[in-house]
Each structure stands twice: as structure tokens, then as C-alpha cells.
Amino acid sequence: MSIRLRIALWTASIMLISLLALSAGVYYTMSRNLHEDLDARLRSVYDQYRRSETTVVRTDSAGNITAVFPPRPDSPRQRVGSRFFYAPCATASTVNA
């Protein structure tokens, strides 16, 4: 095996290992950041539902969501911000299971 071929194989191997390590690092970082962002957005939506007087969120004893009831269409509408919501018959924001 010639020295040129050995140097080319070593260089290609080092580049391949470097590229794989970089790819794994980018994948892990992006995956973690996307999951954290998704969790934060879902938590924000969950908190908005819990604070809203128009929806009822049922949780279990550990605080996990078991059911979300949307506003009732037969309730009168009320404006909150730039959106309309239906006012509930009873103003309960959380119903514990």
C-alpha cells in the first residue's frame, strides 16, 4: 500500500469521525432544544386553559391533565383580548378528579 493511499485513508477516516461527532452533537442539541421549546409552549397553553374561565381542566392527584372541556356553545360569549370565548355556567377553572 502506497504512502499516498495511507494518508488519504487516514485523512478520510479523521474527517468521517469528526463529521459524525459534529452531527451527533448538533442532533442532540437540536433535539433537546426543540423538546424544551415544545414543553414550554404546551405548559403555556395549559396555563392559559387553567386560568381561563371558559374552560374546565380536570387533573389527577399528581397534577397531570386528564381532560380538558372546551367552552360550552350555549353559554353567552365574552371578549377576552382579541378573541371571543364562551362564558361558563359555573366559574370553575379546575375540577379535580
C-alpha atoms as a PDB file:
ATOM      1  CA  MET A   1       0.000   0.000   0.000  1.00  0.00           C
ATOM      2  CA  SER A   2       1.479   3.309  -1.037  1.00  0.00           C
ATOM      3  CA  ILE A   3       2.021   6.201   1.342  1.00  0.00           C
ATOM      4  CA  ARG A   4      -0.397   8.362  -0.670  1.00  0.00           C
ATOM      5  CA  LEU A   5      -3.195   5.857  -0.186  1.00  0.00           C
ATOM      6  CA  ARG A   6      -2.472   5.559   3.555  1.00  0.00           C
ATOM      7  CA  ILE A   7      -2.516   9.327   4.014  1.00  0.00           C
ATOM      8  CA  ALA A   8      -5.754   9.613   2.017  1.00  0.00           C
ATOM      9  CA  LEU A   9      -7.419   6.862   4.087  1.00  0.00           C
ATOM     10  CA  TRP A  10      -6.268   8.395   7.389  1.00  0.00           C
ATOM     11  CA  THR A  11      -7.490  11.823   6.310  1.00  0.00           C
ATOM     12  CA  ALA A  12     -10.830  10.446   5.173  1.00  0.00           C
ATOM     13  CA  SER A  13     -11.213   8.476   8.421  1.00  0.00           C
ATOM     14  CA  ILE A  14     -10.459  11.520  10.590  1.00  0.00           C
ATOM     15  CA  MET A  15     -12.880  13.655   8.587  1.00  0.00           C
ATOM     16  CA  LEU A  16     -15.581  10.982   8.830  1.00  0.00           C
ATOM     17  CA  ILE A  17     -15.179  10.646  12.600  1.00  0.00           C
ATOM     18  CA  SER A  18     -15.197  14.434  13.002  1.00  0.00           C
ATOM     19  CA  LEU A  19     -18.310  14.759  10.866  1.00  0.00           C
ATOM     20  CA  LEU A  20     -20.109  12.024  12.808  1.00  0.00           C
ATOM     21  CA  ALA A  21     -19.209  13.621  16.147  1.00  0.00           C
ATOM     22  CA  LEU A  22     -20.365  17.039  14.961  1.00  0.00           C
ATOM     23  CA  SER A  23     -23.592  15.589  13.565  1.00  0.00           C
ATOM     24  CA  ALA A  24     -24.336  13.750  16.804  1.00  0.00           C
ATOM     25  CA  GLY A  25     -23.725  16.916  18.817  1.00  0.00           C
ATOM     26  CA  VAL A  26     -25.958  19.028  16.606  1.00  0.00           C
ATOM     27  CA  TYR A  27     -28.694  16.381  16.633  1.00  0.00           C
ATOM     28  CA  TYR A  28     -28.624  16.088  20.428  1.00  0.00           C
ATOM     29  CA  THR A  29     -28.612  19.860  20.955  1.00  0.00           C
ATOM     30  CA  MET A  30     -31.417  20.499  18.475  1.00  0.00           C
ATOM     31  CA  SER A  31     -33.493  17.633  19.836  1.00  0.00           C
ATOM     32  CA  ARG A  32     -33.136  18.864  23.409  1.00  0.00           C
ATOM     33  CA  ASN A  33     -33.912  22.471  22.471  1.00  0.00           C
ATOM     34  CA  LEU A  34     -36.954  21.502  20.410  1.00  0.00           C
ATOM     35  CA  HIS A  35     -38.316  19.321  23.220  1.00  0.00           C
ATOM     36  CA  GLU A  36     -37.784  22.093  25.776  1.00  0.00           C
ATOM     37  CA  ASP A  37     -39.474  24.615  23.497  1.00  0.00           C
ATOM     38  CA  LEU A  38     -42.408  22.292  22.878  1.00  0.00           C
ATOM     39  CA  ASP A  39     -42.753  21.608  26.606  1.00  0.00           C
ATOM     40  CA  ALA A  40     -42.704  25.337  27.348  1.00  0.00           C
ATOM     41  CA  ARG A  41     -45.343  26.070  24.703  1.00  0.00           C
ATOM     42  CA  LEU A  42     -47.564  23.235  25.905  1.00  0.00           C
ATOM     43  CA  ARG A  43     -47.176  24.420  29.508  1.00  0.00           C
ATOM     44  CA  SER A  44     -48.131  27.932  28.392  1.00  0.00           C
ATOM     45  CA  VAL A  45     -51.274  26.675  26.645  1.00  0.00           C
ATOM     46  CA  TYR A  46     -52.100  24.525  29.669  1.00  0.00           C
ATOM     47  CA  ASP A  47     -51.694  27.516  31.994  1.00  0.00           C
ATOM     48  CA  GLN A  48     -53.923  29.621  29.750  1.00  0.00           C
ATOM     49  CA  TYR A  49     -56.594  26.927  29.867  1.00  0.00           C
ATOM     50  CA  ARG A  50     -56.327  26.700  33.635  1.00  0.00           C
ATOM     51  CA  ARG A  51     -56.625  30.480  34.079  1.00  0.00           C
ATOM     52  CA  SER A  52     -59.450  30.817  31.576  1.00  0.00           C
ATOM     53  CA  GLU A  53     -62.952  30.960  32.984  1.00  0.00           C
ATOM     54  CA  THR A  54     -64.277  29.408  29.820  1.00  0.00           C
ATOM     55  CA  THR A  55     -62.610  26.015  30.010  1.00  0.00           C
ATOM     56  CA  VAL A  56     -62.516  23.345  32.629  1.00  0.00           C
ATOM     57  CA  VAL A  57     -59.342  21.342  33.113  1.00  0.00           C
ATOM     58  CA  ARG A  58     -59.602  18.091  35.042  1.00  0.00           C
ATOM     59  CA  THR A  59     -56.396  16.922  36.707  1.00  0.00           C
ATOM     60  CA  ASP A  60     -55.461  13.892  38.737  1.00  0.00           C
ATOM     61  CA  SER A  61     -53.822  13.981  42.177  1.00  0.00           C
ATOM     62  CA  ALA A  62     -50.341  14.282  40.620  1.00  0.00           C
ATOM     63  CA  GLY A  63     -51.364  17.350  38.599  1.00  0.00           C
ATOM     64  CA  ASN A  64     -51.440  15.577  35.230  1.00  0.00           C
ATOM     65  CA  ILE A  65     -54.159  16.638  32.810  1.00  0.00           C
ATOM     66  CA  THR A  66     -56.839  14.000  32.414  1.00  0.00           C
ATOM     67  CA  ALA A  67     -59.442  16.014  30.487  1.00  0.00           C
ATOM     68  CA  VAL A  68     -59.989  19.485  29.027  1.00  0.00           C
ATOM     69  CA  PHE A  69     -63.521  20.599  28.407  1.00  0.00           C
ATOM     70  CA  PRO A  70     -63.933  23.358  25.789  1.00  0.00           C
ATOM     71  CA  PRO A  71     -66.328  26.250  26.271  1.00  0.00           C
ATOM     72  CA  ARG A  72     -69.989  25.420  26.019  1.00  0.00           C
ATOM     73  CA  PRO A  73     -71.574  26.740  22.827  1.00  0.00           C
ATOM     74  CA  ASP A  74     -74.844  27.536  24.601  1.00  0.00           C
ATOM     75  CA  SER A  75     -73.110  29.929  27.018  1.00  0.00           C
ATOM     76  CA  PRO A  76     -73.025  33.670  26.303  1.00  0.00           C
ATOM     77  CA  ARG A  77     -69.900  34.909  24.509  1.00  0.00           C
ATOM     78  CA  GLN A  78     -67.437  37.250  26.163  1.00  0.00           C
ATOM     79  CA  ARG A  79     -64.443  39.049  24.696  1.00  0.00           C
ATOM     80  CA  VAL A  80     -61.015  38.291  26.153  1.00  0.00           C
ATOM     81  CA  GLY A  81     -58.254  40.157  24.384  1.00  0.00           C
ATOM     82  CA  SER A  82     -58.803  39.865  20.659  1.00  0.00           C
ATOM     83  CA  ARG A  83     -60.769  36.600  20.840  1.00  0.00           C
ATOM     84  CA  PHE A  84     -64.272  35.645  21.857  1.00  0.00           C
ATOM     85  CA  PHE A  85     -64.849  32.927  24.416  1.00  0.00           C
ATOM     86  CA  TYR A  86     -67.975  31.397  25.812  1.00  0.00           C
ATOM     87  CA  ALA A  87     -68.626  32.210  29.434  1.00  0.00           C
ATOM     88  CA  PRO A  88     -69.135  29.129  31.588  1.00  0.00           C
ATOM     89  CA  CYS A  89     -72.258  28.405  33.532  1.00  0.00           C
ATOM     90  CA  ALA A  90     -70.142  27.845  36.622  1.00  0.00           C
ATOM     91  CA  THR A  91     -66.849  29.672  37.020  1.00  0.00           C
ATOM     92  CA  ALA A  92     -64.649  26.728  37.901  1.00  0.00           C
ATOM     93  CA  SER A  93     -61.252  26.711  36.262  1.00  0.00           C
ATOM     94  CA  THR A  94     -60.130  23.360  37.672  1.00  0.00           C
ATOM     95  CA  VAL A  95     -62.080  20.263  38.563  1.00  0.00           C
ATOM     96  CA  ASN A  96     -60.022  17.722  40.466  1.00  0.00           C
ATOM     97  CA  ALA A  97     -60.732  14.126  39.648  1.00  0.00           C
END
